[in-house]
N, C-alpha and C. Protein backbone atom coordinates (compact mmCIF):
# COMPACT_ATOMS: atom_id res chain seq x y z
N UNK A 1 0.84 -1.16 0.00
CA UNK A 1 0.00 0.00 0.00
C UNK A 1 0.89 1.23 0.00
N UNK A 2 0.47 2.20 -0.76
CA UNK A 2 1.16 3.49 -0.77
C UNK A 2 0.13 4.55 -0.42
N UNK A 3 0.47 5.39 0.55
CA UNK A 3 -0.44 6.45 0.99
C UNK A 3 0.08 7.78 0.46
N UNK A 4 -0.72 8.42 -0.37
CA UNK A 4 -0.40 9.77 -0.84
C UNK A 4 -1.05 10.77 0.10
N UNK A 5 -0.30 11.77 0.49
CA UNK A 5 -0.86 12.80 1.35
C UNK A 5 -1.22 14.01 0.49
N UNK A 6 -2.41 14.57 0.71
CA UNK A 6 -2.86 15.70 -0.12
C UNK A 6 -2.17 17.00 0.28
N UNK A 7 -1.07 17.30 -0.39
CA UNK A 7 -0.31 18.50 -0.06
C UNK A 7 -0.69 19.67 -0.96
N UNK A 8 -1.47 19.39 -1.99
CA UNK A 8 -1.81 20.45 -2.93
C UNK A 8 -0.78 20.57 -4.05
N UNK A 9 0.35 19.86 -3.90
CA UNK A 9 1.39 19.87 -4.91
C UNK A 9 1.33 18.58 -5.70
N UNK A 10 1.68 18.65 -6.96
CA UNK A 10 1.77 17.44 -7.77
C UNK A 10 3.14 16.83 -7.48
N UNK A 11 3.12 15.66 -6.88
CA UNK A 11 4.37 15.02 -6.48
C UNK A 11 4.77 13.96 -7.49
N UNK A 12 6.06 13.86 -7.72
CA UNK A 12 6.57 12.79 -8.57
C UNK A 12 6.48 11.48 -7.79
N UNK A 13 6.22 10.41 -8.51
CA UNK A 13 6.16 9.10 -7.87
C UNK A 13 7.57 8.73 -7.40
N UNK A 14 7.69 8.23 -6.18
CA UNK A 14 9.02 7.84 -5.71
C UNK A 14 9.66 6.81 -6.64
N UNK A 15 10.95 6.94 -6.85
CA UNK A 15 11.69 6.08 -7.76
C UNK A 15 11.55 4.60 -7.38
N UNK A 16 11.54 4.30 -6.12
CA UNK A 16 11.52 2.92 -5.64
C UNK A 16 10.14 2.26 -5.75
N UNK A 17 9.09 3.03 -5.99
CA UNK A 17 7.74 2.49 -5.93
C UNK A 17 7.47 1.41 -6.98
N UNK A 18 7.95 1.60 -8.20
CA UNK A 18 7.70 0.60 -9.25
C UNK A 18 8.36 -0.73 -8.90
N UNK A 19 9.55 -0.69 -8.36
CA UNK A 19 10.21 -1.93 -7.93
C UNK A 19 9.43 -2.64 -6.84
N UNK A 20 8.86 -1.87 -5.93
CA UNK A 20 8.05 -2.45 -4.86
C UNK A 20 6.78 -3.08 -5.43
N UNK A 21 6.18 -2.43 -6.42
CA UNK A 21 4.98 -2.99 -7.06
C UNK A 21 5.29 -4.33 -7.72
N UNK A 22 6.43 -4.38 -8.44
CA UNK A 22 6.82 -5.63 -9.11
C UNK A 22 7.07 -6.74 -8.10
N UNK A 23 7.78 -6.43 -7.02
CA UNK A 23 8.06 -7.42 -5.99
C UNK A 23 6.76 -7.93 -5.39
N UNK A 24 5.85 -7.03 -5.11
CA UNK A 24 4.56 -7.41 -4.54
C UNK A 24 3.80 -8.35 -5.47
N UNK A 25 3.78 -8.03 -6.76
CA UNK A 25 3.10 -8.89 -7.74
C UNK A 25 3.78 -10.26 -7.82
N UNK A 26 5.11 -10.28 -7.80
CA UNK A 26 5.84 -11.55 -7.85
C UNK A 26 5.52 -12.43 -6.65
N UNK A 27 5.24 -11.81 -5.51
CA UNK A 27 4.94 -12.55 -4.29
C UNK A 27 3.45 -12.86 -4.13
N UNK A 28 2.65 -12.45 -5.13
CA UNK A 28 1.22 -12.74 -5.09
C UNK A 28 0.41 -11.74 -4.30
N UNK A 29 0.99 -10.58 -4.03
CA UNK A 29 0.28 -9.56 -3.26
C UNK A 29 -0.57 -8.66 -4.14
N UNK A 30 -1.29 -7.77 -3.49
CA UNK A 30 -2.17 -6.83 -4.20
C UNK A 30 -1.76 -5.42 -3.80
N UNK A 31 -1.52 -4.58 -4.78
CA UNK A 31 -1.11 -3.20 -4.55
C UNK A 31 -2.33 -2.31 -4.39
N UNK A 32 -2.27 -1.41 -3.44
CA UNK A 32 -3.34 -0.42 -3.27
C UNK A 32 -2.69 0.94 -3.04
N UNK A 33 -3.30 1.96 -3.61
CA UNK A 33 -2.85 3.33 -3.39
C UNK A 33 -4.02 4.11 -2.85
N UNK A 34 -3.81 4.76 -1.73
CA UNK A 34 -4.88 5.53 -1.09
C UNK A 34 -4.37 6.93 -0.79
N UNK A 35 -5.28 7.83 -0.48
CA UNK A 35 -4.93 9.20 -0.14
C UNK A 35 -5.48 9.52 1.24
N UNK A 36 -4.67 10.20 2.03
CA UNK A 36 -5.14 10.61 3.35
C UNK A 36 -4.19 11.61 3.97
N UNK A 37 -4.74 12.57 4.67
CA UNK A 37 -3.92 13.58 5.34
C UNK A 37 -3.16 12.97 6.52
N UNK A 38 -3.76 11.99 7.17
CA UNK A 38 -3.15 11.29 8.30
C UNK A 38 -2.84 9.87 7.82
N UNK A 39 -1.57 9.58 7.60
CA UNK A 39 -1.15 8.30 7.03
C UNK A 39 -1.60 7.14 7.90
N UNK A 40 -1.43 7.25 9.21
CA UNK A 40 -1.82 6.16 10.12
C UNK A 40 -3.31 5.86 10.01
N UNK A 41 -4.12 6.89 10.04
CA UNK A 41 -5.57 6.67 9.97
C UNK A 41 -5.99 6.17 8.59
N UNK A 42 -5.31 6.62 7.54
CA UNK A 42 -5.63 6.13 6.19
C UNK A 42 -5.36 4.63 6.10
N UNK A 43 -4.26 4.18 6.68
CA UNK A 43 -3.94 2.75 6.68
C UNK A 43 -4.98 1.97 7.47
N UNK A 44 -5.33 2.46 8.66
CA UNK A 44 -6.32 1.76 9.48
C UNK A 44 -7.70 1.78 8.86
N UNK A 45 -8.09 2.90 8.25
CA UNK A 45 -9.40 2.96 7.58
C UNK A 45 -9.45 1.94 6.44
N UNK A 46 -8.36 1.82 5.68
CA UNK A 46 -8.29 0.85 4.59
C UNK A 46 -8.37 -0.57 5.15
N UNK A 47 -7.63 -0.83 6.22
CA UNK A 47 -7.63 -2.17 6.84
C UNK A 47 -9.03 -2.54 7.31
N UNK A 48 -9.73 -1.60 7.93
CA UNK A 48 -11.10 -1.87 8.38
C UNK A 48 -12.03 -2.11 7.19
N UNK A 49 -11.90 -1.31 6.14
CA UNK A 49 -12.76 -1.47 4.96
C UNK A 49 -12.53 -2.82 4.28
N UNK A 50 -11.31 -3.32 4.35
CA UNK A 50 -10.96 -4.62 3.74
C UNK A 50 -11.16 -5.78 4.71
N UNK A 51 -11.63 -5.49 5.91
CA UNK A 51 -11.81 -6.51 6.96
C UNK A 51 -10.51 -7.26 7.24
N UNK A 52 -9.41 -6.50 7.29
CA UNK A 52 -8.09 -7.10 7.53
C UNK A 52 -7.96 -7.54 8.98
N UNK A 53 -7.36 -8.69 9.17
CA UNK A 53 -7.10 -9.20 10.51
C UNK A 53 -5.75 -8.70 11.03
N UNK A 54 -4.86 -8.33 10.09
CA UNK A 54 -3.53 -7.87 10.51
C UNK A 54 -2.98 -6.87 9.51
N UNK A 55 -2.05 -6.06 10.01
CA UNK A 55 -1.34 -5.09 9.19
C UNK A 55 0.15 -5.36 9.43
N UNK A 56 0.92 -5.44 8.35
CA UNK A 56 2.36 -5.66 8.45
C UNK A 56 3.04 -4.37 7.99
N UNK A 57 3.89 -3.83 8.85
CA UNK A 57 4.56 -2.56 8.57
C UNK A 57 6.06 -2.75 8.59
N UNK A 58 6.76 -2.00 7.77
CA UNK A 58 8.21 -1.97 7.82
C UNK A 58 8.64 -0.82 8.71
N UNK A 59 9.61 -1.06 9.57
CA UNK A 59 10.06 0.00 10.47
C UNK A 59 11.05 0.91 9.75
N UNK A 60 11.29 2.04 10.34
CA UNK A 60 12.26 2.99 9.80
C UNK A 60 13.57 2.84 10.54
N UNK A 61 14.57 3.57 10.11
CA UNK A 61 15.86 3.54 10.79
C UNK A 61 16.01 4.71 11.76
N UNK A 62 14.94 5.37 12.06
CA UNK A 62 15.01 6.49 13.01
C UNK A 62 15.41 5.98 14.39
N UNK A 63 16.08 6.83 15.13
CA UNK A 63 16.53 6.43 16.46
C UNK A 63 15.39 6.51 17.45
N UNK A 64 15.53 5.79 18.55
CA UNK A 64 14.53 5.82 19.62
C UNK A 64 14.39 7.24 20.19
N UNK A 65 15.47 8.01 20.20
CA UNK A 65 15.42 9.37 20.73
C UNK A 65 14.51 10.26 19.88
N UNK A 66 14.40 9.97 18.60
CA UNK A 66 13.57 10.76 17.69
C UNK A 66 12.09 10.55 17.97
N UNK A 67 11.70 9.32 18.28
CA UNK A 67 10.30 8.95 18.37
C UNK A 67 9.47 9.73 19.40
N UNK A 68 9.94 9.92 20.64
CA UNK A 68 9.09 10.66 21.59
C UNK A 68 8.79 12.09 21.15
N UNK A 69 9.70 12.67 20.39
CA UNK A 69 9.51 14.05 19.95
C UNK A 69 8.54 14.16 18.78
N UNK A 70 8.41 13.09 18.03
CA UNK A 70 7.57 13.07 16.84
C UNK A 70 6.69 11.83 16.91
N UNK A 71 5.40 12.03 16.92
CA UNK A 71 4.49 10.88 17.01
C UNK A 71 4.59 10.08 15.72
N UNK A 72 5.15 8.90 15.79
CA UNK A 72 5.40 8.12 14.58
C UNK A 72 4.11 7.52 14.03
N UNK A 73 4.12 7.29 12.73
CA UNK A 73 2.99 6.63 12.07
C UNK A 73 2.79 5.25 12.68
N UNK A 74 3.89 4.52 12.87
CA UNK A 74 3.80 3.18 13.44
C UNK A 74 3.20 3.23 14.84
N UNK A 75 3.65 4.14 15.66
CA UNK A 75 3.11 4.26 17.02
C UNK A 75 1.63 4.57 17.03
N UNK A 76 1.19 5.44 16.12
CA UNK A 76 -0.24 5.77 16.06
C UNK A 76 -1.05 4.59 15.57
N UNK A 77 -0.52 3.82 14.63
CA UNK A 77 -1.24 2.63 14.16
C UNK A 77 -1.36 1.62 15.29
N UNK A 78 -0.27 1.37 15.99
CA UNK A 78 -0.30 0.40 17.10
C UNK A 78 -1.30 0.83 18.16
N UNK A 79 -1.30 2.10 18.51
CA UNK A 79 -2.19 2.56 19.59
C UNK A 79 -3.66 2.59 19.18
N UNK A 80 -3.94 2.66 17.87
CA UNK A 80 -5.34 2.76 17.42
C UNK A 80 -5.84 1.53 16.67
N UNK A 81 -5.05 0.47 16.62
CA UNK A 81 -5.41 -0.70 15.81
C UNK A 81 -6.57 -1.50 16.36
N UNK A 82 -6.83 -1.42 17.64
CA UNK A 82 -7.92 -2.20 18.21
C UNK A 82 -7.65 -3.68 18.06
N UNK A 83 -8.58 -4.40 17.41
CA UNK A 83 -8.45 -5.85 17.26
C UNK A 83 -7.59 -6.26 16.06
N UNK A 84 -7.12 -5.31 15.29
CA UNK A 84 -6.24 -5.63 14.16
C UNK A 84 -4.83 -5.88 14.69
N UNK A 85 -4.26 -7.04 14.34
CA UNK A 85 -2.89 -7.34 14.74
C UNK A 85 -1.94 -6.45 13.95
N UNK A 86 -0.91 -5.95 14.61
CA UNK A 86 0.10 -5.13 13.94
C UNK A 86 1.43 -5.87 14.04
N UNK A 87 2.02 -6.17 12.90
CA UNK A 87 3.32 -6.84 12.84
C UNK A 87 4.33 -5.85 12.28
N UNK A 88 5.49 -5.78 12.92
CA UNK A 88 6.53 -4.84 12.53
C UNK A 88 7.75 -5.60 12.03
N UNK A 89 8.16 -5.30 10.80
CA UNK A 89 9.35 -5.91 10.20
C UNK A 89 10.48 -4.89 10.32
N UNK A 90 11.60 -5.28 10.94
CA UNK A 90 12.68 -4.30 11.12
C UNK A 90 13.31 -3.89 9.79
N UNK A 91 13.82 -2.67 9.76
CA UNK A 91 14.53 -2.18 8.58
C UNK A 91 15.80 -2.98 8.39
N UNK A 92 16.15 -3.25 7.14
CA UNK A 92 17.37 -3.99 6.85
C UNK A 92 18.57 -3.17 7.26
N UNK A 93 19.45 -3.79 8.00
CA UNK A 93 20.70 -3.14 8.37
C UNK A 93 21.82 -4.11 8.00
N UNK A 94 22.66 -3.73 7.05
CA UNK A 94 23.72 -4.65 6.64
C UNK A 94 24.64 -4.96 7.82
N UNK A 95 25.20 -6.18 7.84
CA UNK A 95 26.15 -6.50 8.91
C UNK A 95 27.27 -5.46 8.94
N UNK A 96 27.78 -5.18 10.12
CA UNK A 96 28.78 -4.13 10.29
C UNK A 96 29.98 -4.32 9.36
N UNK A 97 30.44 -5.54 9.19
CA UNK A 97 31.60 -5.79 8.32
C UNK A 97 31.32 -5.34 6.88
N UNK A 98 30.11 -5.59 6.39
CA UNK A 98 29.75 -5.16 5.03
C UNK A 98 29.59 -3.66 4.95
N UNK A 99 29.02 -3.06 5.98
CA UNK A 99 28.81 -1.61 5.99
C UNK A 99 30.15 -0.88 6.01
N UNK A 100 31.14 -1.43 6.70
CA UNK A 100 32.46 -0.79 6.78
C UNK A 100 33.19 -0.81 5.44
N UNK A 101 32.90 -1.82 4.59
CA UNK A 101 33.55 -1.91 3.28
C UNK A 101 32.97 -0.92 2.28
N UNK A 102 31.75 -0.47 2.51
CA UNK A 102 31.07 0.40 1.53
C UNK A 102 31.64 1.79 1.51
């Protein structure tokens, strides 16, 4: 799912989005694009409309210190999900040895 936020500006599609669509199709998934001013609520509204039992989210690489200062989308989804299960997949972090070579 991709959530577009109504900013009033015409935004270019993110470069990575087409690759994500292809991967999703290869894995048998279904792509959805929705619009909402509040990303967390847009995701939950869509999940409720689809009668979803669970939502799977990818985490960001933001630090824990950042989160209390900024209410994260993930935190808002978790706190408002009700009976919908929320699963969080950690962001990929290359092993330190590989990261040091880059």
